[in-house]
């Protein structure tokens, strides 16, 4: 497939007008139409519905758009990489994150990467649970992801934080003014959790089981900040790591758990078999700005 065909397809897909697309590509309309027909023959499906009044994408056209953009972007990165000077890294890293749970780790990483490697493009993918990350990294849909530990199998990971979990309750909850809560005291409550196999959910369920009860789940939502918002609205209680305390939604109350409090271990996950220079650059930056908390705890100050 000629990359010029892909560029012609994107121009028409974005303009939805053959005349404007031809002007944008500095070519006549007839050769552009012929190029699109060649691409459609190779794809084996029509990409546009054409009438005298409008041009619209077919379902096949819609499906092709993101892949066509990736082809053009990757070619541009490849060309720039061939012209890179010593120490310059070009490329793209697709980074998965859960959202609120990464608000302390994502900003320093992105700032440092932009400063050290300004030609590495970062594509962020939000609302990625640990279960999502494992599959997406394995398929190549993500290059690196923030995850919680443990993760099944033997993927490449590096721990970046260890945080105690605390209870989160609504402002009118009977425990809202307490300085500390023992986990068994929450046995009779409704709970708001993340669904699936998120690491936070796994740690929470394991801690509750060790405390002698199984939580009664009232609501399940994928966004960790929405979990906190539903707790603030009085729909149940939950557990959350210390990192969320500065960004709690209005009304939600975070209360320390009595020892031994469960801990959430967070890490970066990647696939050694899919390493690129851009991924290596990001991991090297992460090692500096997000050091191993276990090793750091034993290093002299």
Protein backbone atom coordinates (compact mmCIF):
# COMPACT_ATOMS: atom_id res chain seq x y z
CA UNK A 1 0.00 0.00 0.00
CA UNK A 2 1.45 3.35 -1.07
CA UNK A 3 1.65 5.80 1.82
CA UNK A 4 0.45 8.50 -0.57
CA UNK A 5 -2.83 6.60 -0.84
CA UNK A 6 -3.13 6.73 2.95
CA UNK A 7 -2.41 10.47 3.01
CA UNK A 8 -5.04 11.00 0.30
CA UNK A 9 -7.58 8.97 2.28
CA UNK A 10 -6.94 10.99 5.45
CA UNK A 11 -7.32 14.29 3.58
CA UNK A 12 -10.73 13.25 2.22
CA UNK A 13 -11.78 11.73 5.57
CA UNK A 14 -10.97 14.97 7.39
CA UNK A 15 -12.35 17.38 4.78
CA UNK A 16 -15.30 15.19 3.66
CA UNK A 17 -14.99 17.04 0.36
CA UNK A 18 -12.91 15.89 -2.60
CA UNK A 19 -12.31 19.43 -3.89
CA UNK A 20 -10.95 20.76 -0.58
CA UNK A 21 -8.91 17.60 -0.05
CA UNK A 22 -7.37 17.97 -3.52
CA UNK A 23 -6.41 21.60 -2.79
CA UNK A 24 -4.87 20.54 0.52
CA UNK A 25 -2.79 17.89 -1.26
CA UNK A 26 -1.87 20.25 -4.13
CA UNK A 27 -3.29 17.92 -6.75
CA UNK A 28 -6.23 17.79 -9.14
CA UNK A 29 -9.51 16.24 -8.03
CA UNK A 30 -9.60 13.51 -10.68
CA UNK A 31 -6.26 11.89 -9.68
CA UNK A 32 -7.38 12.08 -6.05
CA UNK A 33 -10.60 10.19 -6.88
CA UNK A 34 -8.59 7.56 -8.73
CA UNK A 35 -6.23 7.18 -5.77
CA UNK A 36 -9.15 6.60 -3.40
CA UNK A 37 -10.60 4.01 -5.80
CA UNK A 38 -7.25 2.16 -5.87
CA UNK A 39 -7.16 2.13 -2.08
CA UNK A 40 -10.73 0.86 -1.90
CA UNK A 41 -9.88 -1.96 -4.32
CA UNK A 42 -6.93 -2.97 -2.15
CA UNK A 43 -8.94 -2.73 1.07
CA UNK A 44 -11.81 -4.61 -0.52
CA UNK A 45 -14.55 -2.27 0.71
CA UNK A 46 -15.86 1.22 -0.07
CA UNK A 47 -14.43 3.84 2.26
CA UNK A 48 -16.75 6.72 1.36
CA UNK A 49 -20.40 7.15 0.43
CA UNK A 50 -20.51 9.75 -2.33
CA UNK A 51 -23.57 11.71 -3.40
CA UNK A 52 -23.96 14.95 -5.31
CA UNK A 53 -24.51 16.70 -1.97
CA UNK A 54 -22.12 15.08 0.49
CA UNK A 55 -19.21 12.75 1.14
CA UNK A 56 -19.41 10.57 4.26
CA UNK A 57 -17.29 7.79 5.68
CA UNK A 58 -18.55 4.23 5.51
CA UNK A 59 -18.12 1.88 8.48
CA UNK A 60 -14.94 0.59 6.82
CA UNK A 61 -13.73 4.16 6.39
CA UNK A 62 -14.34 4.96 10.04
CA UNK A 63 -12.42 1.81 11.03
CA UNK A 64 -9.47 2.76 8.82
CA UNK A 65 -9.03 6.36 10.05
CA UNK A 66 -7.10 5.70 13.32
CA UNK A 67 -4.83 3.16 11.63
CA UNK A 68 -4.18 5.50 8.71
CA UNK A 69 -3.22 8.29 11.11
CA UNK A 70 -0.86 5.92 12.92
CA UNK A 71 0.78 4.93 9.61
CA UNK A 72 1.42 8.56 8.65
CA UNK A 73 2.59 9.52 12.14
CA UNK A 74 4.92 6.53 12.42
CA UNK A 75 6.43 7.28 9.02
CA UNK A 76 7.05 10.88 10.07
CA UNK A 77 8.70 9.71 13.30
CA UNK A 78 10.82 7.22 11.39
CA UNK A 79 12.05 9.91 8.99
CA UNK A 80 12.89 12.26 11.84
CA UNK A 81 14.66 9.45 13.71
CA UNK A 82 16.98 8.87 10.76
CA UNK A 83 18.08 12.50 11.07
CA UNK A 84 18.53 12.36 14.85
CA UNK A 85 21.81 13.57 16.28
CA UNK A 86 23.84 11.83 19.02
CA UNK A 87 21.74 11.30 22.15
CA UNK A 88 18.47 12.35 20.47
CA UNK A 89 15.58 9.91 20.75
CA UNK A 90 12.55 10.00 18.47
CA UNK A 91 9.49 7.87 18.90
CA UNK A 92 6.14 7.42 20.59
CA UNK A 93 5.21 5.75 23.87
CA UNK A 94 1.64 4.72 24.65
CA UNK A 95 1.30 4.96 28.43
CA UNK A 96 -1.65 3.54 30.35
CA UNK A 97 -2.91 5.03 33.61
CA UNK A 98 -5.88 4.64 35.91
CA UNK A 99 -6.49 8.36 36.49
CA UNK A 100 -6.70 9.70 40.04
CA UNK A 101 -4.38 7.03 41.43
CA UNK A 102 -1.55 8.37 39.25
CA UNK A 103 -1.91 12.09 39.96
CA UNK A 104 1.35 12.14 41.96
CA UNK A 105 3.40 9.90 39.67
CA UNK A 106 2.33 10.98 36.17
CA UNK A 107 3.22 14.73 36.28
CA UNK A 108 6.88 14.37 37.31
CA UNK A 109 7.37 11.60 34.75
CA UNK A 110 5.86 13.55 31.86
CA UNK A 111 7.70 16.77 32.78
CA UNK A 112 11.06 15.00 33.01
CA UNK A 113 10.49 13.09 29.77
CA UNK A 114 9.58 16.28 27.91
CA UNK A 115 12.71 18.00 29.22
CA UNK A 116 15.15 15.14 28.63
CA UNK A 117 13.64 13.76 25.39
CA UNK A 118 11.50 16.45 23.73
CA UNK A 119 11.12 14.35 20.55
CA UNK A 120 9.47 11.43 22.33
CA UNK A 121 5.70 11.73 21.90
CA UNK A 122 3.62 10.47 24.81
CA UNK A 123 0.16 9.06 24.09
CA UNK A 124 -1.83 8.73 27.33
CA UNK A 125 -4.59 6.13 27.68
CA UNK A 126 -6.86 6.72 30.70
CA UNK A 127 -8.98 4.41 32.89
CA UNK A 128 -6.68 1.43 32.48
CA UNK A 129 -6.94 -1.13 35.28
CA UNK A 130 -4.16 -3.62 36.01
CA UNK A 131 -6.16 -6.31 34.20
CA UNK A 132 -6.56 -4.01 31.17
CA UNK A 133 -2.86 -3.16 31.19
CA UNK A 134 -1.71 -6.77 31.11
CA UNK A 135 -3.74 -7.53 28.00
CA UNK A 136 -3.00 -4.24 26.25
CA UNK A 137 0.76 -4.46 26.80
CA UNK A 138 0.74 -8.08 25.66
CA UNK A 139 -1.14 -7.13 22.46
CA UNK A 140 1.06 -4.09 21.83
CA UNK A 141 -1.83 -1.64 22.36
CA UNK A 142 0.22 -0.08 25.19
CA UNK A 143 3.99 0.19 25.58
CA UNK A 144 4.10 0.95 29.30
CA UNK A 145 1.41 1.20 31.97
CA UNK A 146 0.96 2.17 35.59
CA UNK A 147 -0.36 -0.91 37.43
CA UNK A 148 -0.92 -2.20 40.91
CA UNK A 149 0.89 -5.24 42.28
CA UNK A 150 0.85 -8.17 42.26
CA UNK A 151 0.22 -8.98 38.61
CA UNK A 152 -0.17 -12.55 37.32
CA UNK A 153 2.49 -14.14 35.16
CA UNK A 154 6.01 -12.82 34.80
CA UNK A 155 5.77 -9.43 33.10
CA UNK A 156 8.48 -6.82 33.49
CA UNK A 157 7.59 -4.45 36.35
CA UNK A 158 9.30 -2.01 38.70
CA UNK A 159 7.72 -0.81 41.93
CA UNK A 160 7.35 2.98 42.14
CA UNK A 161 5.24 3.51 45.28
CA UNK A 162 3.97 1.77 48.42
CA UNK A 163 0.99 3.43 50.13
CA UNK A 164 -1.17 2.57 53.10
CA UNK A 165 -4.89 2.31 52.46
CA UNK A 166 -7.41 4.26 54.50
CA UNK A 167 -11.19 4.17 54.76
CA UNK A 168 -13.26 6.63 52.73
CA UNK A 169 -16.70 7.57 54.05
CA UNK A 170 -19.32 10.25 53.43
CA UNK A 171 -19.37 13.41 55.57
CA UNK A 172 -22.52 12.32 57.42
CA UNK A 173 -21.26 8.81 58.13
CA UNK A 174 -21.16 7.82 61.80
CA UNK A 175 -17.39 7.32 61.53
CA UNK A 176 -16.66 10.60 59.71
CA UNK A 177 -15.20 12.27 62.82
CA UNK A 178 -13.08 9.30 63.88
CA UNK A 179 -9.28 9.59 63.90
CA UNK A 180 -8.86 5.92 63.04
CA UNK A 181 -11.01 2.96 61.99
CA UNK A 182 -10.45 -0.77 62.42
CA UNK A 183 -11.36 -2.51 59.19
CA UNK A 184 -13.78 -5.03 60.84
CA UNK A 185 -15.93 -2.04 61.91
CA UNK A 186 -16.90 -1.59 58.25
CA UNK A 187 -18.18 -5.16 57.85
CA UNK A 188 -21.86 -4.18 57.73
CA UNK A 189 -21.47 -1.31 55.23
CA UNK A 190 -22.35 -1.05 51.55
CA UNK A 191 -19.19 -0.76 49.45
CA UNK A 192 -18.23 1.07 46.26
CA UNK A 193 -15.46 -0.68 44.32
CA UNK A 194 -13.72 -0.75 40.98
CA UNK A 195 -14.84 -3.72 38.83
CA UNK A 196 -12.88 -6.57 37.30
CA UNK A 197 -9.37 -7.43 38.44
CA UNK A 198 -8.01 -4.03 39.45
CA UNK A 199 -5.14 -4.27 41.94
CA UNK A 200 -6.87 -1.90 44.38
CA UNK A 201 -9.96 -4.11 44.38
CA UNK A 202 -7.84 -7.23 44.92
CA UNK A 203 -5.99 -5.67 47.88
CA UNK A 204 -9.29 -4.44 49.34
CA UNK A 205 -11.02 -7.82 49.07
CA UNK A 206 -8.02 -9.64 50.53
CA UNK A 207 -7.88 -7.21 53.48
CA UNK A 208 -11.61 -7.57 54.15
CA UNK A 209 -11.35 -11.36 54.04
CA UNK A 210 -8.46 -11.25 56.52
CA UNK A 211 -10.62 -9.02 58.74
CA UNK A 212 -13.34 -11.69 58.75
CA UNK A 213 -15.95 -10.41 56.30
CA UNK A 214 -16.86 -10.16 52.64
CA UNK A 215 -17.87 -6.62 51.57
CA UNK A 216 -21.42 -6.10 50.36
CA UNK A 217 -20.89 -4.40 46.98
CA UNK A 218 -23.46 -1.71 46.18
CA UNK A 219 -21.78 0.04 43.21
CA UNK A 220 -18.92 -0.72 40.82
CA UNK A 221 -17.31 1.94 38.61
CA UNK A 222 -14.05 1.89 36.67
CA UNK A 223 -12.87 5.44 37.39
CA UNK A 224 -11.24 5.61 40.87
CA UNK A 225 -12.24 9.27 41.28
CA UNK A 226 -15.88 8.39 40.58
CA UNK A 227 -15.60 5.72 43.29
CA UNK A 228 -14.70 8.49 45.74
CA UNK A 229 -17.50 10.71 44.43
CA UNK A 230 -20.09 7.97 44.98
CA UNK A 231 -18.79 7.49 48.51
CA UNK A 232 -19.13 11.24 49.10
CA UNK A 233 -22.72 10.95 47.88
CA UNK A 234 -23.46 8.37 50.58
CA UNK A 235 -23.74 5.29 48.35
CA UNK A 236 -21.24 3.27 50.36
CA UNK A 237 -17.73 3.20 51.78
CA UNK A 238 -14.43 2.22 50.20
CA UNK A 239 -10.68 2.05 50.73
CA UNK A 240 -8.18 4.34 48.99
CA UNK A 241 -4.42 4.95 49.17
CA UNK A 242 -2.93 8.02 50.84
CA UNK A 243 -2.19 9.65 47.46
CA UNK A 244 -5.86 10.55 46.96
CA UNK A 245 -6.15 12.66 50.12
CA UNK A 246 -5.19 15.96 48.39
CA UNK A 247 -7.77 15.45 45.60
CA UNK A 248 -10.73 14.01 47.51
CA UNK A 249 -14.10 15.14 46.11
CA UNK A 250 -16.02 17.57 48.25
CA UNK A 251 -17.49 15.80 51.24
CA UNK A 252 -15.53 12.55 51.10
CA UNK A 253 -13.53 11.82 54.25
CA UNK A 254 -10.33 9.72 54.32
CA UNK A 255 -9.62 8.05 57.68
CA UNK A 256 -6.52 6.02 58.57
CA UNK A 257 -7.02 2.31 59.21
CA UNK A 258 -5.76 0.78 62.43
CA UNK A 259 -2.63 -1.34 62.05
CA UNK A 260 -1.96 -3.54 60.29
CA UNK A 261 -3.31 -1.42 57.42
CA UNK A 262 -3.25 -2.96 53.92
CA UNK A 263 -0.89 -1.43 51.38
CA UNK A 264 -1.19 -0.73 47.66
CA UNK A 265 2.02 -1.28 45.71
CA UNK A 266 2.12 0.50 42.37
CA UNK A 267 4.50 -0.20 39.51
CA UNK A 268 5.33 0.41 35.88
CA UNK A 269 4.74 -2.54 33.55
CA UNK A 270 6.20 -3.15 30.10
CA UNK A 271 7.07 -5.96 27.67
CA UNK A 272 10.80 -6.63 27.25
CA UNK A 273 10.07 -8.15 23.85
CA UNK A 274 8.60 -4.88 22.51
CA UNK A 275 11.26 -2.44 23.67
CA UNK A 276 12.01 0.60 21.52
CA UNK A 277 14.46 3.44 22.06
CA UNK A 278 11.55 5.66 23.11
CA UNK A 279 10.35 3.11 25.69
CA UNK A 280 13.89 2.70 27.04
CA UNK A 281 14.14 6.48 27.32
CA UNK A 282 10.89 6.70 29.30
CA UNK A 283 11.91 3.87 31.65
CA UNK A 284 15.31 5.48 32.24
CA UNK A 285 13.65 8.79 33.10
CA UNK A 286 11.17 6.99 35.36
CA UNK A 287 14.02 5.32 37.24
CA UNK A 288 15.31 8.78 38.16
CA UNK A 289 12.08 10.61 39.00
CA UNK A 290 10.15 7.61 40.39
CA UNK A 291 12.84 5.65 42.26
CA UNK A 292 12.23 2.23 43.76
CA UNK A 293 10.58 2.98 47.15
CA UNK A 294 11.92 -0.22 48.72
CA UNK A 295 15.52 0.58 47.78
CA UNK A 296 15.10 4.27 48.70
CA UNK A 297 13.89 3.34 52.18
CA UNK A 298 17.26 1.72 52.90
CA UNK A 299 19.49 4.29 51.30
CA UNK A 300 21.26 6.81 53.59
CA UNK A 301 19.82 10.31 53.48
